[in-house]
Amino acid sequence: MSQGTEVMAIESDPALVQRHADDLTHAVVADSTDAEVMRQLGVDEFQRAVVGIGTNLEASILTTAVLADFGVPTIWAKAISHEHRRILERIGAHHVVLPEHEMGERVAHMVTGRMLDYIEFEDDYAMVKLRPPREAIGHPLGKSKLRAKYGVTVVGVKRAGEGFTYATADTVVEHGDVVIVAGKTADVERLADQV
């Protein structure tokens, strides 16, 4: 793996192990729900683990429980529903993602045409890429009052043909620019309604 990281993939399907064996430090066929097998593989010494089991809820929950029992310091797990997420968090997963749900929300926000990209974080916080609202064009960001009016912060600006730059209070947004805005989800959506 890149950056000197050792990665062990544990999979019950031999065909998948064979397919990815060259990409990983270690790829083994094993039952991740069996604590003794996991201990023999040295999983109890890992600092981080990712449980990517999707539709088999029992295997997902049992594997996460084994890792939590081992005291793995950082456990990431994939969930297929909010209920599944709640269970994984209760048994010891430190980070739980719902990729299908999160991608659905992202696409729903972008399909309206108001946002060019959308990323939502925990605690109802989001970053969006969008065209600036008319009221911000031609004025330094510090005088545009976007933060006071919408409760958002413009963190970056991209001019056509250039890369993103960090926004400052003196940055003047021009027609055709793209901005990255951060704030509470409802606030960035309210700003996007003005685009």
Protein backbone atom coordinates (compact mmCIF):
# COMPACT_ATOMS: atom_id res chain seq x y z
CA MET A 1 0.00 0.00 0.00
CA SER A 2 1.03 3.58 -0.46
CA GLN A 3 2.52 5.64 2.38
CA GLY A 4 3.91 2.54 4.09
CA THR A 5 0.55 1.45 5.48
CA GLU A 6 0.06 -2.26 5.98
CA VAL A 7 -3.44 -3.39 5.06
CA MET A 8 -5.02 -6.74 5.76
CA ALA A 9 -8.25 -7.64 4.00
CA ILE A 10 -10.33 -10.42 5.52
CA GLU A 11 -13.00 -11.78 3.21
CA SER A 12 -15.08 -14.96 3.13
CA ASP A 13 -15.20 -15.04 -0.70
CA PRO A 14 -12.00 -16.58 -2.17
CA ALA A 15 -12.61 -14.97 -5.57
CA LEU A 16 -12.60 -11.47 -4.03
CA VAL A 17 -9.44 -12.23 -2.08
CA GLN A 18 -7.72 -13.41 -5.26
CA ARG A 19 -8.88 -10.34 -7.20
CA HIS A 20 -7.46 -7.86 -4.65
CA ALA A 21 -4.45 -9.80 -3.35
CA ASP A 22 -1.93 -7.78 -5.41
CA ASP A 23 -3.30 -4.46 -4.14
CA LEU A 24 -3.00 -5.23 -0.43
CA THR A 25 -0.25 -6.16 2.00
CA HIS A 26 -2.26 -9.18 3.17
CA ALA A 27 -5.50 -10.65 1.83
CA VAL A 28 -6.89 -13.74 3.52
CA VAL A 29 -9.97 -15.92 3.36
CA ALA A 30 -11.39 -16.10 6.88
CA ASP A 31 -14.49 -15.69 9.01
CA SER A 32 -14.30 -12.19 10.51
CA THR A 33 -17.01 -13.04 13.04
CA ASP A 34 -14.80 -15.67 14.73
CA ALA A 35 -12.77 -13.97 17.48
CA GLU A 36 -10.21 -16.78 17.68
CA VAL A 37 -9.54 -16.66 13.93
CA MET A 38 -9.20 -12.87 14.11
CA ARG A 39 -6.77 -13.17 17.05
CA GLN A 40 -4.66 -15.71 15.10
CA LEU A 41 -4.48 -13.20 12.24
CA GLY A 42 -3.20 -10.56 14.66
CA VAL A 43 -6.22 -8.29 14.34
CA ASP A 44 -6.15 -7.66 18.09
CA GLU A 45 -2.91 -5.68 17.48
CA PHE A 46 -4.39 -3.36 14.83
CA GLN A 47 -4.75 0.38 15.43
CA ARG A 48 -7.54 0.87 12.88
CA ALA A 49 -10.14 -1.36 11.29
CA VAL A 50 -12.77 -0.91 8.60
CA VAL A 51 -15.83 -3.15 8.53
CA GLY A 52 -17.14 -2.92 4.97
CA ILE A 53 -19.74 -5.66 5.26
CA GLY A 54 -22.91 -4.40 3.66
CA THR A 55 -26.04 -6.50 3.51
CA ASN A 56 -25.14 -9.22 6.02
CA LEU A 57 -26.18 -7.42 9.19
CA GLU A 58 -25.26 -10.29 11.48
CA ALA A 59 -21.70 -10.51 10.12
CA SER A 60 -21.34 -6.72 10.26
CA ILE A 61 -22.47 -6.53 13.88
CA LEU A 62 -20.48 -9.56 15.05
CA THR A 63 -17.29 -8.41 13.30
CA THR A 64 -17.62 -4.95 14.82
CA ALA A 65 -18.20 -6.51 18.25
CA VAL A 66 -15.06 -8.67 17.88
CA LEU A 67 -12.98 -5.59 17.02
CA ALA A 68 -14.47 -3.62 19.92
CA ASP A 69 -13.78 -6.51 22.31
CA PHE A 70 -10.15 -6.50 21.13
CA GLY A 71 -9.97 -2.80 21.97
CA VAL A 72 -9.07 -1.67 18.44
CA PRO A 73 -8.69 2.11 18.95
CA THR A 74 -10.42 3.23 15.75
CA ILE A 75 -13.21 1.24 14.11
CA TRP A 76 -14.94 2.43 10.94
CA ALA A 77 -18.05 0.53 9.87
CA LYS A 78 -20.51 0.63 7.00
CA ALA A 79 -24.22 0.61 7.79
CA ILE A 80 -27.19 0.10 5.50
CA SER A 81 -29.79 1.86 7.66
CA HIS A 82 -30.02 4.32 10.54
CA GLU A 83 -31.00 1.45 12.85
CA HIS A 84 -27.94 -0.54 11.76
CA ARG A 85 -25.82 2.56 12.39
CA ARG A 86 -27.22 2.93 15.91
CA ILE A 87 -26.38 -0.70 16.74
CA LEU A 88 -22.83 -0.41 15.37
CA GLU A 89 -22.23 2.74 17.40
CA ARG A 90 -23.57 1.11 20.57
CA ILE A 91 -21.29 -1.89 20.27
CA GLY A 92 -18.15 0.14 19.70
CA ALA A 93 -17.80 1.50 16.15
CA HIS A 94 -16.20 4.94 16.35
CA HIS A 95 -17.22 6.08 12.86
CA VAL A 96 -20.21 4.74 10.95
CA VAL A 97 -21.01 5.65 7.36
CA LEU A 98 -24.14 5.07 5.33
CA PRO A 99 -22.66 5.43 1.83
CA GLU A 100 -25.86 4.88 -0.13
CA HIS A 101 -27.83 7.31 2.03
CA GLU A 102 -25.05 9.92 2.02
CA MET A 103 -24.58 9.71 -1.76
CA GLY A 104 -28.34 10.00 -2.24
CA GLU A 105 -28.41 13.21 -0.21
CA ARG A 106 -25.40 14.58 -2.09
CA VAL A 107 -26.92 13.88 -5.49
CA ALA A 108 -30.30 15.27 -4.41
CA HIS A 109 -28.65 18.56 -3.45
CA MET A 110 -26.68 18.76 -6.70
CA VAL A 111 -29.50 17.73 -9.04
CA THR A 112 -31.37 20.95 -8.29
CA GLY A 113 -28.61 22.81 -10.13
CA ARG A 114 -28.00 25.24 -7.27
CA MET A 115 -24.97 23.39 -5.92
CA LEU A 116 -22.00 22.07 -7.86
CA ASP A 117 -20.94 19.79 -5.02
CA TYR A 118 -22.20 19.03 -1.52
CA ILE A 119 -20.61 17.33 1.47
CA GLU A 120 -22.47 16.97 4.75
CA PHE A 121 -20.60 16.26 7.97
CA GLU A 122 -21.82 15.17 11.37
CA ASP A 123 -23.85 17.53 13.51
CA ASP A 124 -25.75 19.11 10.61
CA TYR A 125 -22.72 20.87 9.09
CA ALA A 126 -22.04 21.06 5.34
CA MET A 127 -19.60 22.40 2.78
CA VAL A 128 -20.90 23.25 -0.67
CA LYS A 129 -19.42 24.36 -3.94
CA LEU A 130 -21.63 26.81 -5.81
CA ARG A 131 -21.77 29.95 -7.89
CA PRO A 132 -21.80 33.03 -5.67
CA PRO A 133 -25.10 34.83 -5.06
CA ARG A 134 -25.49 38.14 -6.89
CA GLU A 135 -25.26 40.11 -3.67
CA ALA A 136 -21.66 38.91 -3.17
CA ILE A 137 -20.36 39.71 -6.66
CA GLY A 138 -18.10 42.74 -6.97
CA HIS A 139 -17.70 43.29 -3.23
CA PRO A 140 -15.05 42.21 -0.72
CA LEU A 141 -16.40 39.25 1.23
CA GLY A 142 -16.02 41.17 4.48
CA LYS A 143 -18.49 43.76 3.22
CA SER A 144 -20.90 41.34 1.55
CA LYS A 145 -22.37 40.37 4.94
CA LEU A 146 -22.93 36.74 3.85
CA ARG A 147 -21.90 35.51 7.28
CA ALA A 148 -24.24 37.91 9.10
CA LYS A 149 -27.17 37.31 6.75
CA TYR A 150 -26.86 33.55 6.16
CA GLY A 151 -24.58 32.30 8.95
CA VAL A 152 -22.09 30.80 6.48
CA THR A 153 -18.39 31.27 5.81
CA VAL A 154 -16.87 31.46 2.33
CA VAL A 155 -13.68 29.43 2.69
CA GLY A 156 -12.45 29.30 -0.90
CA VAL A 157 -12.84 30.97 -4.28
CA LYS A 158 -11.99 29.61 -7.74
CA ARG A 159 -11.67 31.82 -10.77
CA ALA A 160 -12.08 30.37 -14.26
CA GLY A 161 -8.83 28.73 -15.36
CA GLU A 162 -7.26 29.00 -11.90
CA GLY A 163 -7.14 26.85 -8.80
CA PHE A 164 -8.97 27.44 -5.54
CA THR A 165 -7.55 30.05 -3.18
CA TYR A 166 -8.43 30.65 0.45
CA ALA A 167 -10.99 33.39 0.87
CA THR A 168 -10.25 36.39 3.08
CA ALA A 169 -12.35 39.38 4.09
CA ASP A 170 -10.65 41.29 1.23
CA THR A 171 -11.39 38.70 -1.46
CA VAL A 172 -13.63 40.16 -4.17
CA VAL A 173 -15.90 37.58 -5.76
CA GLU A 174 -16.38 38.01 -9.50
CA HIS A 175 -19.07 36.86 -11.92
CA GLY A 176 -18.17 33.33 -13.07
CA ASP A 177 -16.32 32.43 -9.87
CA VAL A 178 -17.07 29.31 -7.88
CA VAL A 179 -17.06 29.50 -4.08
CA ILE A 180 -16.79 26.93 -1.32
CA VAL A 181 -19.08 27.77 1.57
CA ALA A 182 -19.28 26.11 5.00
CA GLY A 183 -21.97 26.29 7.64
CA LYS A 184 -25.01 24.61 9.12
CA THR A 185 -26.86 22.59 6.49
CA ALA A 186 -30.00 24.75 6.60
CA ASP A 187 -27.90 27.92 6.27
CA VAL A 188 -25.92 26.76 3.22
CA GLU A 189 -29.18 25.58 1.62
CA ARG A 190 -30.73 29.00 2.26
CA LEU A 191 -27.72 30.66 0.60
CA ALA A 192 -27.94 28.24 -2.35
CA ASP A 193 -31.55 29.32 -2.85
CA GLN A 194 -30.19 32.77 -3.74
CA VAL A 195 -27.99 31.48 -6.57
